[in-house]
Amino acid sequence: MAQDFDDKKMKAYITRRSIMDIGMGLIYAAIGCILGFSQQLGYNLEFPAPPFSYIFGGLCLLYGGFRIYRGIRKNYYH
């Protein structure tokens, strides 16, 4: 009985964490796209300057992709 409760609790935790990872990954990816493609979208960013906004946008895209991958994979405990 206690094992069933612990299993349900673990599955609920994994589901919540997976949803959070996918959601945050999408947010990071959206920020990366906005920073990376701001000129093409019609935004003129004064801060950060264009070379730094491209670098930071790329890093945000990479991290967002990693968070989405981790959320889909759902391998939190080995």
C-alpha atoms as a PDB file:
ATOM      1  CA  MET A   1       0.000   0.000   0.000  1.00  0.00           C
ATOM      2  CA  ALA A   2       2.748   2.433   0.936  1.00  0.00           C
ATOM      3  CA  GLN A   3       4.698   1.493  -2.199  1.00  0.00           C
ATOM      4  CA  ASP A   4       1.691   2.355  -4.405  1.00  0.00           C
ATOM      5  CA  PHE A   5       1.393   5.751  -2.729  1.00  0.00           C
ATOM      6  CA  ASP A   6       5.106   6.421  -3.221  1.00  0.00           C
ATOM      7  CA  ASP A   7       4.882   5.407  -6.885  1.00  0.00           C
ATOM      8  CA  LYS A   8       1.932   7.741  -7.481  1.00  0.00           C
ATOM      9  CA  LYS A   9       3.741  10.531  -5.671  1.00  0.00           C
ATOM     10  CA  MET A  10       6.879   9.991  -7.794  1.00  0.00           C
ATOM     11  CA  LYS A  11       4.894   9.900 -11.055  1.00  0.00           C
ATOM     12  CA  ALA A  12       3.085  13.114 -10.110  1.00  0.00           C
ATOM     13  CA  TYR A  13       6.413  14.793  -9.325  1.00  0.00           C
ATOM     14  CA  ILE A  14       7.929  13.664 -12.620  1.00  0.00           C
ATOM     15  CA  THR A  15       4.869  14.916 -14.534  1.00  0.00           C
ATOM     16  CA  ARG A  16       4.965  18.329 -12.820  1.00  0.00           C
ATOM     17  CA  ARG A  17       8.683  18.687 -13.424  1.00  0.00           C
ATOM     18  CA  SER A  18       8.332  17.644 -17.057  1.00  0.00           C
ATOM     19  CA  ILE A  19       5.591  20.218 -17.670  1.00  0.00           C
ATOM     20  CA  MET A  20       7.696  22.890 -15.982  1.00  0.00           C
ATOM     21  CA  ASP A  21      10.761  22.007 -18.063  1.00  0.00           C
ATOM     22  CA  ILE A  22       8.829  22.103 -21.331  1.00  0.00           C
ATOM     23  CA  GLY A  23       7.120  25.383 -20.398  1.00  0.00           C
ATOM     24  CA  MET A  24      10.328  27.090 -19.320  1.00  0.00           C
ATOM     25  CA  GLY A  25      12.108  25.729 -22.374  1.00  0.00           C
ATOM     26  CA  LEU A  26       9.497  27.319 -24.615  1.00  0.00           C
ATOM     27  CA  ILE A  27       9.865  30.626 -22.767  1.00  0.00           C
ATOM     28  CA  TYR A  28      13.674  30.571 -23.087  1.00  0.00           C
ATOM     29  CA  ALA A  29      13.414  29.642 -26.775  1.00  0.00           C
ATOM     30  CA  ALA A  30      10.946  32.485 -27.391  1.00  0.00           C
ATOM     31  CA  ILE A  31      13.260  34.990 -25.681  1.00  0.00           C
ATOM     32  CA  GLY A  32      16.169  33.652 -27.745  1.00  0.00           C
ATOM     33  CA  CYS A  33      14.177  34.084 -30.961  1.00  0.00           C
ATOM     34  CA  ILE A  34      13.153  37.606 -30.019  1.00  0.00           C
ATOM     35  CA  LEU A  35      16.729  38.598 -29.196  1.00  0.00           C
ATOM     36  CA  GLY A  36      18.240  36.839 -32.196  1.00  0.00           C
ATOM     37  CA  PHE A  37      15.739  37.999 -34.782  1.00  0.00           C
ATOM     38  CA  SER A  38      14.811  41.391 -33.339  1.00  0.00           C
ATOM     39  CA  GLN A  39      15.930  43.309 -36.417  1.00  0.00           C
ATOM     40  CA  GLN A  40      13.894  41.075 -38.754  1.00  0.00           C
ATOM     41  CA  LEU A  41      10.860  41.353 -36.454  1.00  0.00           C
ATOM     42  CA  GLY A  42      11.011  45.140 -36.581  1.00  0.00           C
ATOM     43  CA  TYR A  43      12.344  45.767 -33.067  1.00  0.00           C
ATOM     44  CA  ASN A  44      15.302  48.047 -32.491  1.00  0.00           C
ATOM     45  CA  LEU A  45      16.959  46.933 -29.268  1.00  0.00           C
ATOM     46  CA  GLU A  46      19.230  49.494 -27.672  1.00  0.00           C
ATOM     47  CA  PHE A  47      20.279  47.193 -24.858  1.00  0.00           C
ATOM     48  CA  PRO A  48      21.969  44.782 -25.298  1.00  0.00           C
ATOM     49  CA  ALA A  49      23.882  45.859 -28.374  1.00  0.00           C
ATOM     50  CA  PRO A  50      23.355  43.679 -31.475  1.00  0.00           C
ATOM     51  CA  PRO A  51      26.439  41.436 -31.229  1.00  0.00           C
ATOM     52  CA  PHE A  52      25.666  40.629 -27.605  1.00  0.00           C
ATOM     53  CA  SER A  53      21.960  40.166 -28.232  1.00  0.00           C
ATOM     54  CA  TYR A  54      22.752  37.593 -30.929  1.00  0.00           C
ATOM     55  CA  ILE A  55      25.091  35.700 -28.621  1.00  0.00           C
ATOM     56  CA  PHE A  56      22.659  35.795 -25.699  1.00  0.00           C
ATOM     57  CA  GLY A  57      19.775  34.858 -28.005  1.00  0.00           C
ATOM     58  CA  GLY A  58      21.725  31.847 -29.239  1.00  0.00           C
ATOM     59  CA  LEU A  59      22.504  30.781 -25.688  1.00  0.00           C
ATOM     60  CA  CYS A  60      18.844  31.143 -24.740  1.00  0.00           C
ATOM     61  CA  LEU A  61      17.854  28.986 -27.722  1.00  0.00           C
ATOM     62  CA  LEU A  62      20.355  26.304 -26.737  1.00  0.00           C
ATOM     63  CA  TYR A  63      19.262  26.282 -23.109  1.00  0.00           C
ATOM     64  CA  GLY A  64      15.602  26.304 -24.095  1.00  0.00           C
ATOM     65  CA  GLY A  65      16.214  23.329 -26.372  1.00  0.00           C
ATOM     66  CA  PHE A  66      17.954  21.507 -23.544  1.00  0.00           C
ATOM     67  CA  ARG A  67      15.043  22.160 -21.168  1.00  0.00           C
ATOM     68  CA  ILE A  68      12.524  20.928 -23.747  1.00  0.00           C
ATOM     69  CA  TYR A  69      14.640  17.807 -24.376  1.00  0.00           C
ATOM     70  CA  ARG A  70      14.914  17.109 -20.659  1.00  0.00           C
ATOM     71  CA  GLY A  71      11.167  17.575 -20.222  1.00  0.00           C
ATOM     72  CA  ILE A  72      10.348  15.175 -23.035  1.00  0.00           C
ATOM     73  CA  ARG A  73      12.907  12.608 -21.892  1.00  0.00           C
ATOM     74  CA  LYS A  74      11.622  12.551 -18.271  1.00  0.00           C
ATOM     75  CA  ASN A  75      14.742  10.815 -16.979  1.00  0.00           C
ATOM     76  CA  TYR A  76      15.118  12.622 -13.667  1.00  0.00           C
ATOM     77  CA  TYR A  77      16.143   9.668 -11.530  1.00  0.00           C
ATOM     78  CA  HIS A  78      18.588   7.019 -12.614  1.00  0.00           C
END
